[in-house]
């Protein structure tokens, strides 16, 4: 999952988001550019609600790299 943050995010909200994600056993890879900051989330992100993350003030967009899939059976 990729989380694109707005330019100059509030440090308090950013720390809260990172601590919350780490409590869910998600490792975070941070990329800082000229105008945006990107968080690459690695781990089981299927249990994370993308709408909940995108509702934060510091988040510009959330993109899933791999869509969760349904378990298939042979019936």
N, C-alpha and C. Protein backbone atom coordinates (compact mmCIF):
# COMPACT_ATOMS: atom_id res chain seq x y z
N UNK A 1 0.86 -1.16 0.00
CA UNK A 1 0.00 0.00 0.00
C UNK A 1 0.91 1.23 0.00
N UNK A 2 0.50 2.24 -0.72
CA UNK A 2 1.26 3.48 -0.80
C UNK A 2 0.39 4.61 -0.28
N UNK A 3 0.94 5.39 0.66
CA UNK A 3 0.23 6.53 1.22
C UNK A 3 0.99 7.78 0.80
N UNK A 4 0.34 8.66 0.04
CA UNK A 4 0.94 9.91 -0.40
C UNK A 4 0.45 11.00 0.55
N UNK A 5 1.40 11.69 1.19
CA UNK A 5 1.06 12.74 2.13
C UNK A 5 1.09 14.10 1.44
N UNK A 6 0.34 15.04 2.00
CA UNK A 6 0.35 16.40 1.48
C UNK A 6 1.69 17.05 1.80
N UNK A 7 1.98 18.16 1.14
CA UNK A 7 3.24 18.84 1.39
C UNK A 7 3.24 19.45 2.79
N UNK A 8 4.37 19.37 3.45
CA UNK A 8 4.57 19.85 4.83
C UNK A 8 3.53 19.29 5.80
N UNK A 9 3.53 17.98 6.02
CA UNK A 9 2.55 17.39 6.94
C UNK A 9 2.84 17.79 8.39
N UNK A 10 1.79 17.86 9.18
CA UNK A 10 1.92 18.15 10.61
C UNK A 10 2.69 17.01 11.27
N UNK A 11 3.77 17.33 11.95
CA UNK A 11 4.65 16.31 12.52
C UNK A 11 3.95 15.47 13.58
N UNK A 12 3.07 16.08 14.37
CA UNK A 12 2.34 15.34 15.40
C UNK A 12 1.42 14.30 14.78
N UNK A 13 0.69 14.69 13.74
CA UNK A 13 -0.21 13.76 13.06
C UNK A 13 0.58 12.67 12.33
N UNK A 14 1.73 13.04 11.77
CA UNK A 14 2.57 12.06 11.09
C UNK A 14 3.11 11.03 12.07
N UNK A 15 3.56 11.47 13.23
CA UNK A 15 4.05 10.53 14.25
C UNK A 15 2.94 9.60 14.72
N UNK A 16 1.73 10.14 14.88
CA UNK A 16 0.60 9.32 15.30
C UNK A 16 0.29 8.26 14.25
N UNK A 17 0.29 8.65 12.97
CA UNK A 17 0.00 7.71 11.89
C UNK A 17 1.05 6.61 11.83
N UNK A 18 2.32 6.98 11.94
CA UNK A 18 3.39 6.00 11.88
C UNK A 18 3.33 5.04 13.07
N UNK A 19 3.09 5.56 14.26
CA UNK A 19 2.97 4.70 15.45
C UNK A 19 1.79 3.76 15.35
N UNK A 20 0.66 4.25 14.81
CA UNK A 20 -0.53 3.41 14.65
C UNK A 20 -0.27 2.29 13.65
N UNK A 21 0.39 2.62 12.54
CA UNK A 21 0.69 1.60 11.54
C UNK A 21 1.68 0.57 12.06
N UNK A 22 2.67 1.02 12.82
CA UNK A 22 3.65 0.08 13.39
C UNK A 22 3.01 -0.83 14.43
N UNK A 23 1.97 -0.34 15.11
CA UNK A 23 1.27 -1.18 16.08
C UNK A 23 0.47 -2.29 15.39
N UNK A 24 0.20 -2.12 14.10
CA UNK A 24 -0.50 -3.13 13.30
C UNK A 24 0.48 -4.07 12.60
N UNK A 25 1.76 -4.05 13.01
CA UNK A 25 2.83 -4.88 12.43
C UNK A 25 3.07 -4.57 10.96
N UNK A 26 3.02 -3.29 10.61
CA UNK A 26 3.31 -2.82 9.26
C UNK A 26 4.65 -2.10 9.30
N UNK A 27 5.55 -2.47 8.41
CA UNK A 27 6.82 -1.74 8.32
C UNK A 27 6.66 -0.63 7.29
N UNK A 28 7.33 0.49 7.53
CA UNK A 28 7.12 1.69 6.73
C UNK A 28 8.44 2.11 6.09
N UNK A 29 8.39 2.34 4.79
CA UNK A 29 9.52 2.87 4.04
C UNK A 29 9.14 4.29 3.62
N UNK A 30 9.93 5.25 4.05
CA UNK A 30 9.63 6.66 3.81
C UNK A 30 10.46 7.19 2.65
N UNK A 31 9.79 7.90 1.75
CA UNK A 31 10.46 8.58 0.64
C UNK A 31 10.05 10.05 0.70
N UNK A 32 11.05 10.93 0.78
CA UNK A 32 10.78 12.35 0.87
C UNK A 32 11.23 13.01 -0.43
N UNK A 33 10.28 13.67 -1.10
CA UNK A 33 10.58 14.37 -2.34
C UNK A 33 10.51 15.87 -2.14
N UNK A 34 10.56 16.61 -3.24
CA UNK A 34 10.52 18.06 -3.17
C UNK A 34 9.16 18.57 -2.69
N UNK A 35 8.10 17.94 -3.16
CA UNK A 35 6.77 18.46 -2.83
C UNK A 35 5.90 17.49 -2.02
N UNK A 36 6.25 16.22 -1.99
CA UNK A 36 5.42 15.25 -1.29
C UNK A 36 6.29 14.28 -0.49
N UNK A 37 5.65 13.63 0.45
CA UNK A 37 6.27 12.57 1.23
C UNK A 37 5.44 11.32 1.00
N UNK A 38 6.11 10.20 0.75
CA UNK A 38 5.41 8.95 0.44
C UNK A 38 5.79 7.91 1.47
N UNK A 39 4.76 7.22 1.99
CA UNK A 39 4.97 6.11 2.91
C UNK A 39 4.64 4.82 2.18
N UNK A 40 5.62 3.94 2.07
CA UNK A 40 5.39 2.62 1.50
C UNK A 40 5.15 1.64 2.63
N UNK A 41 3.97 1.04 2.67
CA UNK A 41 3.59 0.14 3.75
C UNK A 41 3.83 -1.29 3.30
N UNK A 42 4.60 -2.03 4.10
CA UNK A 42 4.93 -3.42 3.78
C UNK A 42 4.43 -4.30 4.91
N UNK A 43 3.70 -5.32 4.55
CA UNK A 43 3.13 -6.24 5.53
C UNK A 43 1.72 -6.61 5.10
N UNK A 44 0.95 -7.13 6.01
CA UNK A 44 -0.43 -7.52 5.71
C UNK A 44 -1.32 -6.28 5.76
N UNK A 45 -1.43 -5.60 4.63
CA UNK A 45 -2.24 -4.38 4.57
C UNK A 45 -3.69 -4.66 4.21
N UNK A 46 -4.05 -5.93 4.04
CA UNK A 46 -5.43 -6.25 3.69
C UNK A 46 -6.39 -5.92 4.83
N UNK A 47 -5.87 -5.86 6.05
CA UNK A 47 -6.73 -5.56 7.20
C UNK A 47 -6.84 -4.06 7.47
N UNK A 48 -6.07 -3.25 6.73
CA UNK A 48 -6.13 -1.80 6.92
C UNK A 48 -7.25 -1.22 6.06
N UNK A 49 -7.96 -0.25 6.61
CA UNK A 49 -9.03 0.43 5.89
C UNK A 49 -8.44 1.64 5.18
N UNK A 50 -8.40 1.59 3.85
CA UNK A 50 -7.82 2.68 3.07
C UNK A 50 -8.63 3.97 3.23
N UNK A 51 -9.94 3.85 3.40
CA UNK A 51 -10.78 5.04 3.58
C UNK A 51 -10.49 5.72 4.90
N UNK A 52 -10.20 4.96 5.93
CA UNK A 52 -9.87 5.52 7.24
C UNK A 52 -8.55 6.30 7.17
N UNK A 53 -7.58 5.75 6.47
CA UNK A 53 -6.29 6.43 6.34
C UNK A 53 -6.43 7.69 5.48
N UNK A 54 -7.20 7.60 4.40
CA UNK A 54 -7.34 8.76 3.51
C UNK A 54 -8.17 9.87 4.13
N UNK A 55 -8.89 9.59 5.21
CA UNK A 55 -9.69 10.61 5.87
C UNK A 55 -8.84 11.55 6.73
N UNK A 56 -7.59 11.18 6.97
CA UNK A 56 -6.71 12.03 7.78
C UNK A 56 -6.36 13.31 7.02
N UNK A 57 -6.13 14.38 7.75
CA UNK A 57 -5.84 15.68 7.13
C UNK A 57 -4.52 15.70 6.37
N UNK A 58 -3.55 14.92 6.80
CA UNK A 58 -2.22 14.98 6.17
C UNK A 58 -2.10 14.08 4.95
N UNK A 59 -3.10 13.25 4.69
CA UNK A 59 -3.03 12.26 3.60
C UNK A 59 -3.69 12.82 2.34
N UNK A 60 -2.96 12.74 1.23
CA UNK A 60 -3.51 13.18 -0.04
C UNK A 60 -4.21 12.03 -0.76
N UNK A 61 -3.56 10.85 -0.81
CA UNK A 61 -4.18 9.70 -1.46
C UNK A 61 -3.60 8.40 -0.91
N UNK A 62 -4.36 7.33 -1.07
CA UNK A 62 -3.95 5.99 -0.65
C UNK A 62 -4.15 5.07 -1.84
N UNK A 63 -3.12 4.29 -2.16
CA UNK A 63 -3.20 3.38 -3.30
C UNK A 63 -2.80 1.98 -2.86
N UNK A 64 -3.62 1.02 -3.19
CA UNK A 64 -3.27 -0.38 -2.93
C UNK A 64 -2.44 -0.91 -4.08
N UNK A 65 -1.35 -1.55 -3.76
CA UNK A 65 -0.50 -2.14 -4.78
C UNK A 65 -1.06 -3.49 -5.19
N UNK A 66 -1.54 -4.24 -4.20
CA UNK A 66 -2.12 -5.55 -4.47
C UNK A 66 -3.49 -5.59 -3.81
N UNK A 67 -4.49 -5.90 -4.59
CA UNK A 67 -5.85 -5.98 -4.08
C UNK A 67 -6.02 -7.26 -3.26
N UNK A 68 -6.75 -7.18 -2.15
CA UNK A 68 -7.04 -8.42 -1.41
C UNK A 68 -7.93 -9.33 -2.25
N UNK A 69 -7.74 -10.62 -2.13
CA UNK A 69 -8.50 -11.56 -2.94
C UNK A 69 -9.33 -12.45 -2.03
N UNK A 70 -10.39 -12.99 -2.61
CA UNK A 70 -11.27 -13.88 -1.88
C UNK A 70 -10.69 -15.29 -1.92
N UNK A 71 -10.94 -16.03 -0.85
CA UNK A 71 -10.54 -17.44 -0.84
C UNK A 71 -11.43 -18.21 -1.82
N UNK A 72 -10.83 -19.05 -2.61
CA UNK A 72 -11.58 -19.82 -3.60
C UNK A 72 -11.76 -21.25 -3.09
N UNK A 73 -12.85 -21.84 -3.47
CA UNK A 73 -13.05 -23.25 -3.14
C UNK A 73 -13.48 -24.00 -4.39
N UNK A 74 -13.54 -25.30 -4.31
CA UNK A 74 -13.81 -26.11 -5.50
C UNK A 74 -15.27 -26.56 -5.61
N UNK A 75 -16.19 -25.94 -4.93
CA UNK A 75 -17.60 -26.34 -5.01
C UNK A 75 -18.20 -26.05 -6.35
